[in-house]
Amino acid sequence: MHVAVCEIKLNLEGVASLKEKRRIMKSLLRRLPQNFNVAAAEIDFQDVWQTGMLGLVTIGNDSGYLHGILEKAITWIEEMRPDCPIDAYRIEFR
């Protein structure tokens, strides 16, 4: 059994309030699990307007498959949400 964890740091430069940031983050947190086999949570920078940190987790028997799921989720964010570019991301297996 493999557990794949992905941390994604988002650059939210155009965000002018915590309310606007939370709207963006909630949208991502709702749609990522719907489109991919992942659990998602906001894991850091909750009170910082222009930075967001998402955590994605998935579990399975094939680490290559799990890595592919997380890469597809990252690509989806880049393509579907150009308003919140990815500064950095990291995928780990535990």
C-alpha atoms as a PDB file:
ATOM      1  CA  MET A   1       0.000   0.000   0.000  1.00  0.00           C
ATOM      2  CA  HIS A   2       1.258   3.463  -0.939  1.00  0.00           C
ATOM      3  CA  VAL A   3       0.128   6.865   0.303  1.00  0.00           C
ATOM      4  CA  ALA A   4       0.882   9.755  -2.047  1.00  0.00           C
ATOM      5  CA  VAL A   5       0.929  13.273  -0.619  1.00  0.00           C
ATOM      6  CA  CYS A   6       1.135  16.487  -2.633  1.00  0.00           C
ATOM      7  CA  GLU A   7       1.655  19.993  -1.257  1.00  0.00           C
ATOM      8  CA  ILE A   8       0.794  22.812  -3.680  1.00  0.00           C
ATOM      9  CA  LYS A   9       1.686  26.448  -2.979  1.00  0.00           C
ATOM     10  CA  LEU A  10      -0.547  28.877  -4.876  1.00  0.00           C
ATOM     11  CA  ASN A  11       0.256  32.473  -5.788  1.00  0.00           C
ATOM     12  CA  LEU A  12      -2.902  34.556  -5.322  1.00  0.00           C
ATOM     13  CA  GLU A  13      -1.491  38.010  -6.190  1.00  0.00           C
ATOM     14  CA  GLY A  14      -4.779  39.444  -7.446  1.00  0.00           C
ATOM     15  CA  VAL A  15      -6.677  38.590  -4.271  1.00  0.00           C
ATOM     16  CA  ALA A  16      -7.745  41.634  -2.261  1.00  0.00           C
ATOM     17  CA  SER A  17      -9.356  40.007   0.786  1.00  0.00           C
ATOM     18  CA  LEU A  18      -9.543  36.805   2.805  1.00  0.00           C
ATOM     19  CA  LYS A  19     -13.139  36.407   1.631  1.00  0.00           C
ATOM     20  CA  GLU A  20     -12.023  36.325  -2.014  1.00  0.00           C
ATOM     21  CA  LYS A  21      -9.194  33.906  -1.177  1.00  0.00           C
ATOM     22  CA  ARG A  22     -11.553  31.562   0.659  1.00  0.00           C
ATOM     23  CA  ARG A  23     -13.925  31.585  -2.327  1.00  0.00           C
ATOM     24  CA  ILE A  24     -11.094  30.426  -4.587  1.00  0.00           C
ATOM     25  CA  MET A  25      -9.815  27.834  -2.109  1.00  0.00           C
ATOM     26  CA  LYS A  26     -13.287  26.398  -1.444  1.00  0.00           C
ATOM     27  CA  SER A  27     -13.849  26.050  -5.171  1.00  0.00           C
ATOM     28  CA  LEU A  28     -10.615  24.089  -5.549  1.00  0.00           C
ATOM     29  CA  LEU A  29     -11.323  21.979  -2.459  1.00  0.00           C
ATOM     30  CA  ARG A  30     -14.744  21.052  -3.838  1.00  0.00           C
ATOM     31  CA  ARG A  31     -13.709  20.322  -7.434  1.00  0.00           C
ATOM     32  CA  LEU A  32     -10.431  18.434  -6.969  1.00  0.00           C
ATOM     33  CA  PRO A  33     -12.007  15.443  -5.154  1.00  0.00           C
ATOM     34  CA  GLN A  34     -14.849  15.412  -7.703  1.00  0.00           C
ATOM     35  CA  ASN A  35     -12.448  15.193 -10.661  1.00  0.00           C
ATOM     36  CA  PHE A  36      -9.660  13.072  -9.153  1.00  0.00           C
ATOM     37  CA  ASN A  37      -9.392  10.278  -6.608  1.00  0.00           C
ATOM     38  CA  VAL A  38      -7.929  12.555  -3.911  1.00  0.00           C
ATOM     39  CA  ALA A  39      -8.723  14.059  -0.548  1.00  0.00           C
ATOM     40  CA  ALA A  40      -7.994  17.796  -0.414  1.00  0.00           C
ATOM     41  CA  ALA A  41      -7.487  20.351   2.357  1.00  0.00           C
ATOM     42  CA  GLU A  42      -6.101  23.843   2.895  1.00  0.00           C
ATOM     43  CA  ILE A  43      -3.046  23.107   5.017  1.00  0.00           C
ATOM     44  CA  ASP A  44      -1.244  26.426   5.583  1.00  0.00           C
ATOM     45  CA  PHE A  45      -1.420  30.218   5.115  1.00  0.00           C
ATOM     46  CA  GLN A  46      -5.108  30.348   6.115  1.00  0.00           C
ATOM     47  CA  ASP A  47      -4.867  33.995   7.161  1.00  0.00           C
ATOM     48  CA  VAL A  48      -2.571  35.207   4.356  1.00  0.00           C
ATOM     49  CA  TRP A  49      -4.441  36.846   1.480  1.00  0.00           C
ATOM     50  CA  GLN A  50      -2.101  36.230  -1.414  1.00  0.00           C
ATOM     51  CA  THR A  51      -0.770  32.742  -0.704  1.00  0.00           C
ATOM     52  CA  GLY A  52      -2.591  29.436  -0.511  1.00  0.00           C
ATOM     53  CA  MET A  53      -1.362  25.948   0.362  1.00  0.00           C
ATOM     54  CA  LEU A  54      -3.314  22.883  -0.713  1.00  0.00           C
ATOM     55  CA  GLY A  55      -2.692  19.341   0.432  1.00  0.00           C
ATOM     56  CA  LEU A  56      -3.804  16.405  -1.724  1.00  0.00           C
ATOM     57  CA  VAL A  57      -3.680  12.773  -0.626  1.00  0.00           C
ATOM     58  CA  THR A  58      -4.473   9.522  -2.384  1.00  0.00           C
ATOM     59  CA  ILE A  59      -3.874   5.883  -1.508  1.00  0.00           C
ATOM     60  CA  GLY A  60      -3.431   2.736  -3.570  1.00  0.00           C
ATOM     61  CA  ASN A  61      -1.219  -0.179  -4.592  1.00  0.00           C
ATOM     62  CA  ASP A  62       0.571   1.339  -7.613  1.00  0.00           C
ATOM     63  CA  SER A  63       2.821   4.301  -6.820  1.00  0.00           C
ATOM     64  CA  GLY A  64       3.169   5.215 -10.512  1.00  0.00           C
ATOM     65  CA  TYR A  65      -0.597   5.446 -10.881  1.00  0.00           C
ATOM     66  CA  LEU A  66      -0.879   7.589  -7.742  1.00  0.00           C
ATOM     67  CA  HIS A  67       1.882   9.916  -8.956  1.00  0.00           C
ATOM     68  CA  GLY A  68       0.011  10.265 -12.259  1.00  0.00           C
ATOM     69  CA  ILE A  69      -3.224  11.212 -10.479  1.00  0.00           C
ATOM     70  CA  LEU A  70      -1.460  13.973  -8.548  1.00  0.00           C
ATOM     71  CA  GLU A  71       0.329  15.241 -11.673  1.00  0.00           C
ATOM     72  CA  LYS A  72      -3.024  15.378 -13.492  1.00  0.00           C
ATOM     73  CA  ALA A  73      -4.522  17.352 -10.587  1.00  0.00           C
ATOM     74  CA  ILE A  74      -1.646  19.847 -10.787  1.00  0.00           C
ATOM     75  CA  THR A  75      -2.065  20.181 -14.558  1.00  0.00           C
ATOM     76  CA  TRP A  76      -5.808  20.684 -14.067  1.00  0.00           C
ATOM     77  CA  ILE A  77      -5.198  23.554 -11.615  1.00  0.00           C
ATOM     78  CA  GLU A  78      -2.753  25.184 -14.043  1.00  0.00           C
ATOM     79  CA  GLU A  79      -5.178  24.901 -16.971  1.00  0.00           C
ATOM     80  CA  MET A  80      -8.535  25.523 -15.291  1.00  0.00           C
ATOM     81  CA  ARG A  81      -7.479  28.137 -12.722  1.00  0.00           C
ATOM     82  CA  PRO A  82      -5.007  30.551 -14.362  1.00  0.00           C
ATOM     83  CA  ASP A  83      -6.036  33.081 -11.687  1.00  0.00           C
ATOM     84  CA  CYS A  84      -4.090  31.100  -9.068  1.00  0.00           C
ATOM     85  CA  PRO A  85      -0.738  30.025 -10.547  1.00  0.00           C
ATOM     86  CA  ILE A  86       1.290  27.358  -8.785  1.00  0.00           C
ATOM     87  CA  ASP A  87       4.487  28.682  -7.167  1.00  0.00           C
ATOM     88  CA  ALA A  88       5.748  25.245  -6.136  1.00  0.00           C
ATOM     89  CA  TYR A  89       4.589  21.719  -5.485  1.00  0.00           C
ATOM     90  CA  ARG A  90       6.020  18.559  -3.957  1.00  0.00           C
ATOM     91  CA  ILE A  91       4.884  14.945  -4.254  1.00  0.00           C
ATOM     92  CA  GLU A  92       5.966  12.431  -1.610  1.00  0.00           C
ATOM     93  CA  PHE A  93       5.180   8.813  -0.826  1.00  0.00           C
ATOM     94  CA  ARG A  94       4.737   7.614   2.728  1.00  0.00           C
END
